[in-house]
Amino acid sequence: MNLRATGKTATTIGLAWDAAADNIAVTRYALYSSATLVLTTTSLFATVSALTAGTTYTFTVIARDAAGNLSPASAQLAVTTNAATQPEAPDTHAPTTPAHLRASGTTYSTIALAWDSSSDDVAVAEYDLYDNGEWIDWTTETSYTITNLPAASGHVFTIEAYDTSWNVSDTSDALHINTDVPPDPSTFAPAVDQTVASDIAGDTAFIYSGPDPIQSGVAPNTIQAQRVAILRGRVVDRNGEPLAGVHISVLDHPEYGGTASRADGAFDLAVNGGGPLTVDYDKEGYLPAQRQAVVPWRDYVALPDVALLALDQAVTTIGLTQLAAPAVS
């Protein structure tokens, strides 16, 4: 992992390393001094502090993936802190708050973010991104594109800045934003080779796989070529008008992920055929619906239109504490 020193003082050593590779995802790095765990981090650099001047320390780093598997330890790196000088004042000043968080572009599965840079009395090390309070990733830039998002989904993004001493800024103002509804797949489907027989598995794989699928969240190796089926349906309101942005999924089958209805109310959802499935229809402000479909292997299945009813906006709140006690004779 190319563990290396990026700087040192009498009491601190800065370290960095290259990203480890994993077939799924590396989630954390553990930094050791000799056999003692110093810290864990999601970053590719760290500053070890509270060290003794003129002392040699030996470091290694180990990567951990989402399943808890550990990599071999990196090659050892010996670093000697500087000789003692005048006591160094600790850095306790946090960076300024990242300002003007904004979206520079959206699609049905991506949101590009940008913000104004923070300032710090030493240096800003990184920006951490959050969606609805959940950490997403970090970057040293003032822009970042989040990918593989569900279509027509709502998000609340915030940013925090960290300096080289890991002082953290206040959280930025929140950005509330939705991804777009998906496009008609016929507008970007790969060209079909007219000289060979059509194959439903190959012709429809772009719906749920690749860098920008319209059906997101499909677990790896879920869709089987010998069983794949495409559910095609349409969602309307009580007046029969197309209803866009309805989230479509399969009950009790999170491995299929989901999609959303398009501007014309239509949708396409890839599943495995071979029995009955229950399709979930859900949109904020509307009563949800479920419909069962018997799905054959390797076929396209046309589902009946589904009408969602808007929730009644006339709501009366009843306080249970205000109810009169029943009369007892």
Protein backbone atom coordinates (compact mmCIF):
# COMPACT_ATOMS: atom_id res chain seq x y z
CA MET A 1 0.00 0.00 0.00
CA ASN A 2 3.09 2.23 -0.29
CA LEU A 3 3.00 3.50 3.30
CA ARG A 4 5.06 6.68 3.50
CA ALA A 5 5.78 9.69 5.71
CA THR A 6 4.42 13.04 4.53
CA GLY A 7 5.94 15.13 7.31
CA LYS A 8 7.02 15.11 10.93
CA THR A 9 7.67 17.29 13.94
CA ALA A 10 9.00 16.53 17.40
CA THR A 11 5.62 15.16 18.46
CA THR A 12 3.76 14.27 15.25
CA ILE A 13 4.25 12.13 12.16
CA GLY A 14 2.15 12.49 9.03
CA LEU A 15 1.53 9.31 7.04
CA ALA A 16 -0.14 8.44 3.74
CA TRP A 17 -0.74 5.27 1.73
CA ASP A 18 -2.26 4.15 -1.55
CA ALA A 19 -5.81 2.82 -1.74
CA ALA A 20 -6.17 -0.94 -1.37
CA ALA A 21 -8.14 -2.90 -3.98
CA ASP A 22 -11.10 -5.15 -3.14
CA ASN A 23 -13.70 -7.04 -5.15
CA ILE A 24 -16.48 -5.20 -3.28
CA ALA A 25 -15.21 -2.19 -1.33
CA VAL A 26 -12.55 -1.24 1.20
CA THR A 27 -14.32 0.36 4.16
CA ARG A 28 -11.55 1.24 6.63
CA TYR A 29 -7.81 1.26 7.24
CA ALA A 30 -6.16 0.38 10.56
CA LEU A 31 -2.82 2.03 11.41
CA TYR A 32 -0.45 0.26 13.82
CA SER A 33 2.67 1.40 15.64
CA SER A 34 4.61 -1.83 16.19
CA ALA A 35 1.77 -4.13 17.37
CA THR A 36 -0.38 -1.39 18.88
CA LEU A 37 -3.44 -0.07 17.06
CA VAL A 38 -3.10 3.71 16.71
CA LEU A 39 -6.29 4.56 14.82
CA THR A 40 -8.76 3.50 12.14
CA THR A 41 -9.84 5.76 9.31
CA THR A 42 -11.56 5.82 5.92
CA SER A 43 -8.96 8.27 4.61
CA LEU A 44 -5.68 7.56 2.85
CA PHE A 45 -3.67 9.67 5.28
CA ALA A 46 -3.36 10.25 9.01
CA THR A 47 -1.42 12.31 11.52
CA VAL A 48 -0.14 10.50 14.61
CA SER A 49 0.29 12.91 17.49
CA ALA A 50 1.42 12.96 21.15
CA LEU A 51 4.73 11.29 20.22
CA THR A 52 8.06 11.58 21.99
CA ALA A 53 10.75 13.77 20.43
CA GLY A 54 13.78 12.03 18.90
CA THR A 55 12.11 8.62 18.97
CA THR A 56 11.80 6.06 16.17
CA TYR A 57 8.37 4.58 15.49
CA THR A 58 7.59 1.67 13.19
CA PHE A 59 4.23 1.80 11.37
CA THR A 60 2.13 -0.62 9.30
CA VAL A 61 -1.34 -0.26 7.79
CA ILE A 62 -4.01 -2.93 7.18
CA ALA A 63 -7.12 -2.58 4.97
CA ARG A 64 -10.54 -3.95 5.92
CA ASP A 65 -13.47 -4.59 3.53
CA ALA A 66 -17.24 -4.54 4.12
CA ALA A 67 -17.25 -8.24 5.03
CA GLY A 68 -14.59 -7.77 7.71
CA ASN A 69 -11.79 -9.37 5.69
CA LEU A 70 -8.32 -7.97 6.45
CA SER A 71 -5.48 -7.41 4.02
CA PRO A 72 -1.88 -8.39 4.79
CA ALA A 73 -0.02 -5.69 6.69
CA SER A 74 1.89 -3.19 4.58
CA ALA A 75 5.66 -3.07 4.60
CA GLN A 76 6.96 -1.55 7.83
CA LEU A 77 7.89 2.12 7.82
CA ALA A 78 10.31 3.46 10.46
CA VAL A 79 10.14 7.20 11.12
CA THR A 80 12.04 9.17 13.75
CA THR A 81 10.45 12.28 15.23
CA ASN A 82 12.45 15.50 15.26
CA ALA A 83 14.57 16.45 18.22
CA ALA A 84 12.86 18.39 20.97
CA THR A 85 12.58 22.14 20.48
CA GLN A 86 10.34 24.72 21.97
CA PRO A 87 6.93 23.17 22.85
CA GLU A 88 4.58 23.31 19.92
CA ALA A 89 1.19 24.84 20.47
CA PRO A 90 -1.52 22.36 19.49
CA ASP A 91 -3.78 23.28 16.59
CA THR A 92 -7.24 23.73 18.07
CA HIS A 93 -8.75 25.96 15.39
CA ALA A 94 -11.39 24.31 13.22
CA PRO A 95 -11.79 25.19 9.54
CA THR A 96 -14.54 27.57 8.52
CA THR A 97 -17.88 26.06 7.53
CA PRO A 98 -18.17 24.98 3.87
CA ALA A 99 -20.51 27.51 2.27
CA HIS A 100 -22.96 27.65 -0.63
CA LEU A 101 -23.51 23.90 -0.99
CA ARG A 102 -25.31 23.49 -4.31
CA ALA A 103 -26.15 21.01 -7.05
CA SER A 104 -24.33 21.58 -10.33
CA GLY A 105 -26.24 18.82 -12.11
CA THR A 106 -28.71 15.97 -11.61
CA THR A 107 -29.79 12.88 -13.52
CA TYR A 108 -32.03 9.98 -12.56
CA SER A 109 -29.10 8.29 -10.76
CA THR A 110 -26.50 10.98 -10.04
CA ILE A 111 -26.23 14.31 -8.24
CA ALA A 112 -23.19 16.54 -8.76
CA LEU A 113 -22.41 18.76 -5.76
CA ALA A 114 -20.18 21.82 -5.39
CA TRP A 115 -19.41 24.18 -2.50
CA ASP A 116 -17.15 27.09 -1.58
CA SER A 117 -13.83 26.12 0.01
CA SER A 118 -13.21 26.36 3.74
CA SER A 119 -10.21 28.17 5.21
CA ASP A 120 -7.99 27.12 8.11
CA ASP A 121 -5.02 28.57 10.01
CA VAL A 122 -2.91 25.55 8.98
CA ALA A 123 -4.55 23.65 6.11
CA VAL A 124 -7.85 22.03 5.15
CA ALA A 125 -7.24 18.30 4.73
CA GLU A 126 -10.57 16.98 3.44
CA TYR A 127 -14.31 17.44 3.13
CA ASP A 128 -16.69 14.74 4.38
CA LEU A 129 -20.08 14.33 2.69
CA TYR A 130 -23.30 13.15 4.35
CA ASP A 131 -26.72 12.19 3.04
CA ASN A 132 -29.50 12.36 5.64
CA GLY A 133 -26.80 12.26 8.33
CA GLU A 134 -25.13 9.13 6.92
CA TRP A 135 -21.47 9.44 5.84
CA ILE A 136 -21.03 8.97 2.08
CA ASP A 137 -17.39 9.69 1.23
CA TRP A 138 -14.61 12.25 1.52
CA THR A 139 -12.75 14.38 -0.98
CA THR A 140 -10.00 16.97 -1.08
CA GLU A 141 -11.83 18.87 -3.85
CA THR A 142 -14.74 21.31 -3.61
CA SER A 143 -16.97 19.21 -5.84
CA TYR A 144 -18.19 15.61 -5.85
CA THR A 145 -20.62 13.50 -7.88
CA ILE A 146 -22.72 10.90 -6.05
CA THR A 147 -23.64 7.97 -8.30
CA ASN A 148 -25.88 4.89 -8.24
CA LEU A 149 -28.76 6.74 -6.58
CA PRO A 150 -32.36 5.52 -6.94
CA ALA A 151 -34.44 7.41 -9.48
CA ALA A 152 -36.90 10.02 -8.13
CA SER A 153 -35.37 9.72 -4.65
CA GLY A 154 -35.03 12.49 -2.08
CA HIS A 155 -31.72 13.42 -0.45
CA VAL A 156 -30.47 15.87 2.19
CA PHE A 157 -26.77 16.59 1.72
CA THR A 158 -24.37 18.31 4.16
CA ILE A 159 -20.61 18.89 4.19
CA GLU A 160 -18.00 19.14 6.96
CA ALA A 161 -14.37 20.28 6.61
CA TYR A 162 -11.42 18.74 8.50
CA ASP A 163 -7.96 20.20 8.95
CA THR A 164 -4.67 18.29 9.30
CA SER A 165 -5.17 18.03 13.07
CA TRP A 166 -8.67 16.60 12.56
CA ASN A 167 -10.44 19.66 13.89
CA VAL A 168 -13.87 19.66 12.26
CA SER A 169 -15.89 22.61 11.04
CA ASP A 170 -19.55 23.27 11.71
CA THR A 171 -21.89 21.39 9.37
CA SER A 172 -22.85 23.22 6.20
CA ASP A 173 -26.39 24.26 5.44
CA ALA A 174 -28.43 21.30 4.18
CA LEU A 175 -29.22 20.86 0.50
CA HIS A 176 -32.58 19.17 -0.15
CA ILE A 177 -32.74 17.70 -3.64
CA ASN A 178 -34.31 14.85 -5.65
CA THR A 179 -32.94 12.76 -8.47
CA ASP A 180 -34.81 12.90 -11.78
CA VAL A 181 -37.32 10.34 -13.00
CA PRO A 182 -35.71 7.79 -15.33
CA PRO A 183 -35.80 8.18 -19.11
CA ASP A 184 -37.46 5.81 -21.55
CA PRO A 185 -34.96 2.91 -21.86
CA SER A 186 -35.50 2.81 -25.62
CA THR A 187 -33.68 6.14 -25.89
CA PHE A 188 -30.36 4.74 -24.68
CA ALA A 189 -30.62 0.95 -25.09
CA PRO A 190 -27.57 -0.57 -26.80
CA ALA A 191 -27.99 -1.36 -30.47
CA VAL A 192 -29.23 -4.88 -31.18
CA ASP A 193 -27.26 -6.98 -33.65
CA GLN A 194 -29.83 -7.77 -36.36
CA THR A 195 -27.69 -10.59 -37.77
CA VAL A 196 -28.11 -12.86 -34.73
CA ALA A 197 -31.08 -14.16 -32.79
CA SER A 198 -32.39 -11.81 -30.10
CA ASP A 199 -31.62 -12.75 -26.49
CA ILE A 200 -33.69 -11.19 -23.69
CA ALA A 201 -30.90 -11.52 -21.13
CA GLY A 202 -28.33 -9.65 -23.18
CA ASP A 203 -30.79 -7.17 -24.66
CA THR A 204 -32.10 -6.02 -21.26
CA ALA A 205 -29.02 -6.19 -19.01
CA PHE A 206 -28.49 -2.44 -19.38
CA ILE A 207 -31.70 -1.86 -17.37
CA TYR A 208 -30.14 -3.07 -14.10
CA SER A 209 -26.36 -3.14 -14.70
CA GLY A 210 -23.59 -0.91 -15.95
CA PRO A 211 -22.53 2.54 -14.75
CA ASP A 212 -25.95 4.21 -14.94
CA PRO A 213 -28.83 1.69 -14.69
CA ILE A 214 -32.47 2.80 -14.44
CA GLN A 215 -33.10 -0.03 -11.96
CA SER A 216 -30.75 0.65 -9.06
CA GLY A 217 -29.73 -1.40 -6.03
CA VAL A 218 -29.77 -4.81 -7.73
CA ALA A 219 -27.52 -7.17 -5.75
CA PRO A 220 -24.65 -8.72 -7.74
CA ASN A 221 -25.52 -11.93 -9.61
CA THR A 222 -29.22 -11.64 -8.71
CA ILE A 223 -30.68 -11.61 -12.23
CA GLN A 224 -30.17 -15.02 -13.86
CA ALA A 225 -29.86 -15.15 -17.64
CA GLN A 226 -31.94 -18.33 -17.90
CA ARG A 227 -34.83 -16.86 -15.84
CA VAL A 228 -34.80 -13.11 -16.49
CA ALA A 229 -38.14 -11.45 -17.12
CA ILE A 230 -39.06 -7.78 -17.62
CA LEU A 231 -42.16 -6.40 -15.91
CA ARG A 232 -43.67 -3.52 -17.85
CA GLY A 233 -46.38 -1.42 -16.28
CA ARG A 234 -47.87 2.04 -15.99
CA VAL A 235 -49.04 4.14 -13.04
CA VAL A 236 -51.78 6.77 -13.25
CA ASP A 237 -53.69 9.00 -10.84
CA ARG A 238 -57.42 8.74 -10.14
CA ASN A 239 -58.13 10.79 -13.29
CA GLY A 240 -56.13 8.43 -15.49
CA GLU A 241 -53.27 10.89 -15.95
CA PRO A 242 -49.69 9.52 -15.95
CA LEU A 243 -48.05 9.56 -12.52
CA ALA A 244 -44.27 10.02 -12.56
CA GLY A 245 -41.82 9.27 -9.73
CA VAL A 246 -43.67 6.29 -8.25
CA HIS A 247 -41.17 3.91 -6.63
CA ILE A 248 -41.52 0.38 -7.99
CA SER A 249 -40.07 -2.64 -6.16
CA VAL A 250 -40.85 -6.28 -5.37
CA LEU A 251 -42.27 -7.14 -1.95
CA ASP A 252 -39.82 -9.14 0.22
CA HIS A 253 -37.18 -9.11 -2.54
CA PRO A 254 -34.75 -6.26 -1.78
CA GLU A 255 -32.16 -7.95 -3.99
CA TYR A 256 -34.08 -6.67 -7.04
CA GLY A 257 -33.56 -3.05 -6.00
CA GLY A 258 -36.10 -0.79 -7.62
CA THR A 259 -36.95 1.78 -10.25
CA ALA A 260 -39.41 4.64 -10.66
CA SER A 261 -42.17 5.48 -13.11
CA ARG A 262 -41.21 7.82 -15.94
CA ALA A 263 -42.87 11.04 -17.11
CA ASP A 264 -45.44 8.96 -19.02
CA GLY A 265 -46.13 6.81 -15.92
CA ALA A 266 -44.49 3.73 -17.47
CA PHE A 267 -41.76 1.59 -15.92
CA ASP A 268 -39.58 -1.46 -16.63
CA LEU A 269 -38.39 -3.78 -13.85
CA ALA A 270 -36.09 -6.80 -14.27
CA VAL A 271 -36.77 -9.86 -12.09
CA ASN A 272 -36.32 -13.63 -12.20
CA GLY A 273 -39.31 -15.51 -13.58
CA GLY A 274 -40.72 -18.75 -12.33
CA GLY A 275 -43.65 -17.91 -10.07
CA PRO A 276 -45.78 -15.19 -8.49
CA LEU A 277 -44.29 -11.89 -7.34
CA THR A 278 -45.93 -8.93 -5.58
CA VAL A 279 -45.10 -5.54 -7.07
CA ASP A 280 -45.02 -2.55 -4.69
CA TYR A 281 -46.12 0.92 -5.83
CA ASP A 282 -45.22 3.79 -3.51
CA LYS A 283 -45.15 7.58 -3.81
CA GLU A 284 -45.19 10.23 -1.10
CA GLY A 285 -48.60 11.85 -0.82
CA TYR A 286 -50.42 8.81 -2.25
CA LEU A 287 -51.86 5.61 -0.85
CA PRO A 288 -49.46 2.73 -1.67
CA ALA A 289 -50.62 -0.23 -3.71
CA GLN A 290 -49.55 -3.83 -4.34
CA ARG A 291 -50.34 -6.09 -7.28
CA GLN A 292 -49.45 -9.74 -7.78
CA ALA A 293 -48.14 -11.04 -11.09
CA VAL A 294 -47.30 -14.55 -12.26
CA VAL A 295 -43.95 -14.18 -14.00
CA PRO A 296 -42.69 -16.73 -16.55
CA TRP A 297 -39.05 -17.32 -17.43
CA ARG A 298 -37.36 -15.24 -20.15
CA ASP A 299 -40.30 -13.11 -21.22
CA TYR A 300 -41.77 -9.62 -21.14
CA VAL A 301 -44.80 -9.28 -18.85
CA ALA A 302 -47.34 -6.50 -19.43
CA LEU A 303 -48.91 -5.50 -16.11
CA PRO A 304 -52.33 -3.81 -15.86
CA ASP A 305 -52.31 -0.07 -15.18
CA VAL A 306 -52.36 0.82 -11.48
CA ALA A 307 -54.09 3.97 -10.20
CA LEU A 308 -52.78 5.56 -7.00
CA LEU A 309 -55.10 7.71 -4.92
CA ALA A 310 -53.82 10.96 -3.44
CA LEU A 311 -54.06 11.25 0.33
CA ASP A 312 -56.88 13.46 1.57
CA GLN A 313 -55.41 16.82 2.61
CA ALA A 314 -58.36 17.53 4.93
CA VAL A 315 -57.12 15.98 8.16
CA THR A 316 -58.69 16.37 11.59
CA THR A 317 -56.44 15.71 14.59
CA ILE A 318 -58.16 13.97 17.48
CA GLY A 319 -56.53 14.23 20.90
CA LEU A 320 -57.25 11.11 22.94
CA THR A 321 -56.80 13.04 26.19
CA GLN A 322 -59.72 15.29 25.21
CA LEU A 323 -62.21 12.45 24.92
CA ALA A 324 -64.86 12.38 27.65
CA ALA A 325 -64.88 9.40 29.94
CA PRO A 326 -67.74 6.97 29.17
CA ALA A 327 -70.77 7.32 31.39
CA VAL A 328 -71.28 4.48 33.84
CA SER A 329 -74.83 3.79 35.03
